[in-house]
């Protein structure tokens, strides 16, 4: 039976890291764009003008938070 802790701590090769970082490159604009679209739709529904800006900021912040989490995970994996 394999030791799952050892299997989970394997070093990631270049291709695996490239796929992870390219998904992050798509996640930042996708979060921003989806936040804006949801805010735009809510503004149309409620007759407001500030929700699209708020959700645009929240979508951007979510993308940056995920980017920082991934960088911290990778730096922790490199130290181990």
C-alpha atoms as a PDB file:
ATOM      1  CA  UNK A   1       0.000   0.000   0.000  1.00  0.00           C
ATOM      2  CA  UNK A   2       1.576   3.363  -1.004  1.00  0.00           C
ATOM      3  CA  UNK A   3       2.214   6.021   1.568  1.00  0.00           C
ATOM      4  CA  UNK A   4      -0.146   8.827   0.422  1.00  0.00           C
ATOM      5  CA  UNK A   5       1.800  11.543   2.206  1.00  0.00           C
ATOM      6  CA  UNK A   6       4.877  10.692   0.190  1.00  0.00           C
ATOM      7  CA  UNK A   7       2.874  10.511  -3.044  1.00  0.00           C
ATOM      8  CA  UNK A   8       1.272  13.906  -2.386  1.00  0.00           C
ATOM      9  CA  UNK A   9       4.662  15.583  -1.851  1.00  0.00           C
ATOM     10  CA  UNK A  10       6.204  14.560  -5.168  1.00  0.00           C
ATOM     11  CA  UNK A  11       7.993  17.294  -7.031  1.00  0.00           C
ATOM     12  CA  UNK A  12       5.974  18.782  -9.868  1.00  0.00           C
ATOM     13  CA  UNK A  13       7.610  18.691 -13.249  1.00  0.00           C
ATOM     14  CA  UNK A  14       7.761  21.668 -15.588  1.00  0.00           C
ATOM     15  CA  UNK A  15       4.708  20.656 -17.624  1.00  0.00           C
ATOM     16  CA  UNK A  16       2.540  20.334 -14.519  1.00  0.00           C
ATOM     17  CA  UNK A  17       3.591  23.765 -13.249  1.00  0.00           C
ATOM     18  CA  UNK A  18       3.038  25.279 -16.704  1.00  0.00           C
ATOM     19  CA  UNK A  19      -0.538  23.969 -16.783  1.00  0.00           C
ATOM     20  CA  UNK A  20      -1.232  25.331 -13.288  1.00  0.00           C
ATOM     21  CA  UNK A  21       0.127  28.786 -14.084  1.00  0.00           C
ATOM     22  CA  UNK A  22      -1.652  28.988 -17.440  1.00  0.00           C
ATOM     23  CA  UNK A  23      -4.915  28.237 -15.669  1.00  0.00           C
ATOM     24  CA  UNK A  24      -4.113  31.111 -13.293  1.00  0.00           C
ATOM     25  CA  UNK A  25      -3.508  33.360 -16.277  1.00  0.00           C
ATOM     26  CA  UNK A  26      -7.049  32.577 -17.407  1.00  0.00           C
ATOM     27  CA  UNK A  27      -8.544  32.788 -13.918  1.00  0.00           C
ATOM     28  CA  UNK A  28      -7.658  36.453 -13.350  1.00  0.00           C
ATOM     29  CA  UNK A  29      -9.491  37.852 -16.388  1.00  0.00           C
ATOM     30  CA  UNK A  30     -12.309  35.306 -16.035  1.00  0.00           C
ATOM     31  CA  UNK A  31     -13.001  36.382 -12.449  1.00  0.00           C
ATOM     32  CA  UNK A  32     -12.908  40.033 -13.393  1.00  0.00           C
ATOM     33  CA  UNK A  33     -15.133  39.574 -16.428  1.00  0.00           C
ATOM     34  CA  UNK A  34     -17.672  37.378 -14.657  1.00  0.00           C
ATOM     35  CA  UNK A  35     -17.835  39.815 -11.728  1.00  0.00           C
ATOM     36  CA  UNK A  36     -18.534  42.654 -14.130  1.00  0.00           C
ATOM     37  CA  UNK A  37     -21.195  40.709 -16.028  1.00  0.00           C
ATOM     38  CA  UNK A  38     -23.017  39.659 -12.862  1.00  0.00           C
ATOM     39  CA  UNK A  39     -22.821  43.232 -11.562  1.00  0.00           C
ATOM     40  CA  UNK A  40     -24.110  44.588 -14.856  1.00  0.00           C
ATOM     41  CA  UNK A  41     -27.035  42.181 -14.790  1.00  0.00           C
ATOM     42  CA  UNK A  42     -27.838  43.061 -11.163  1.00  0.00           C
ATOM     43  CA  UNK A  43     -27.633  46.778 -11.984  1.00  0.00           C
ATOM     44  CA  UNK A  44     -30.157  46.272 -14.769  1.00  0.00           C
ATOM     45  CA  UNK A  45     -32.460  44.307 -12.468  1.00  0.00           C
ATOM     46  CA  UNK A  46     -32.350  46.743  -9.546  1.00  0.00           C
ATOM     47  CA  UNK A  47     -31.841  50.000 -11.430  1.00  0.00           C
ATOM     48  CA  UNK A  48     -28.552  50.790  -9.695  1.00  0.00           C
ATOM     49  CA  UNK A  49     -25.178  51.814 -11.091  1.00  0.00           C
ATOM     50  CA  UNK A  50     -22.675  50.717  -8.428  1.00  0.00           C
ATOM     51  CA  UNK A  51     -23.022  46.922  -8.311  1.00  0.00           C
ATOM     52  CA  UNK A  52     -20.989  46.312 -11.464  1.00  0.00           C
ATOM     53  CA  UNK A  53     -18.051  48.220  -9.969  1.00  0.00           C
ATOM     54  CA  UNK A  54     -18.320  46.391  -6.655  1.00  0.00           C
ATOM     55  CA  UNK A  55     -18.477  42.955  -8.264  1.00  0.00           C
ATOM     56  CA  UNK A  56     -15.704  43.880 -10.702  1.00  0.00           C
ATOM     57  CA  UNK A  57     -13.463  44.640  -7.724  1.00  0.00           C
ATOM     58  CA  UNK A  58     -14.537  41.466  -5.910  1.00  0.00           C
ATOM     59  CA  UNK A  59     -13.883  39.326  -9.001  1.00  0.00           C
ATOM     60  CA  UNK A  60     -10.431  40.860  -9.412  1.00  0.00           C
ATOM     61  CA  UNK A  61      -9.646  40.357  -5.729  1.00  0.00           C
ATOM     62  CA  UNK A  62     -10.741  36.720  -5.954  1.00  0.00           C
ATOM     63  CA  UNK A  63      -8.397  36.141  -8.882  1.00  0.00           C
ATOM     64  CA  UNK A  64      -5.480  37.745  -7.063  1.00  0.00           C
ATOM     65  CA  UNK A  65      -6.188  35.752  -3.897  1.00  0.00           C
ATOM     66  CA  UNK A  66      -6.122  32.523  -5.889  1.00  0.00           C
ATOM     67  CA  UNK A  67      -2.859  33.608  -7.529  1.00  0.00           C
ATOM     68  CA  UNK A  68      -1.272  34.281  -4.135  1.00  0.00           C
ATOM     69  CA  UNK A  69      -2.511  30.930  -2.771  1.00  0.00           C
ATOM     70  CA  UNK A  70      -0.965  29.083  -5.699  1.00  0.00           C
ATOM     71  CA  UNK A  71       2.356  30.890  -5.321  1.00  0.00           C
ATOM     72  CA  UNK A  72       2.428  30.090  -1.589  1.00  0.00           C
ATOM     73  CA  UNK A  73       1.635  26.417  -2.304  1.00  0.00           C
ATOM     74  CA  UNK A  74       4.443  26.220  -4.838  1.00  0.00           C
ATOM     75  CA  UNK A  75       6.970  27.938  -2.591  1.00  0.00           C
ATOM     76  CA  UNK A  76       6.026  25.571   0.243  1.00  0.00           C
ATOM     77  CA  UNK A  77       6.449  22.573  -2.111  1.00  0.00           C
ATOM     78  CA  UNK A  78       9.884  23.824  -3.193  1.00  0.00           C
ATOM     79  CA  UNK A  79      11.026  24.079   0.431  1.00  0.00           C
ATOM     80  CA  UNK A  80       9.975  20.517   1.270  1.00  0.00           C
END
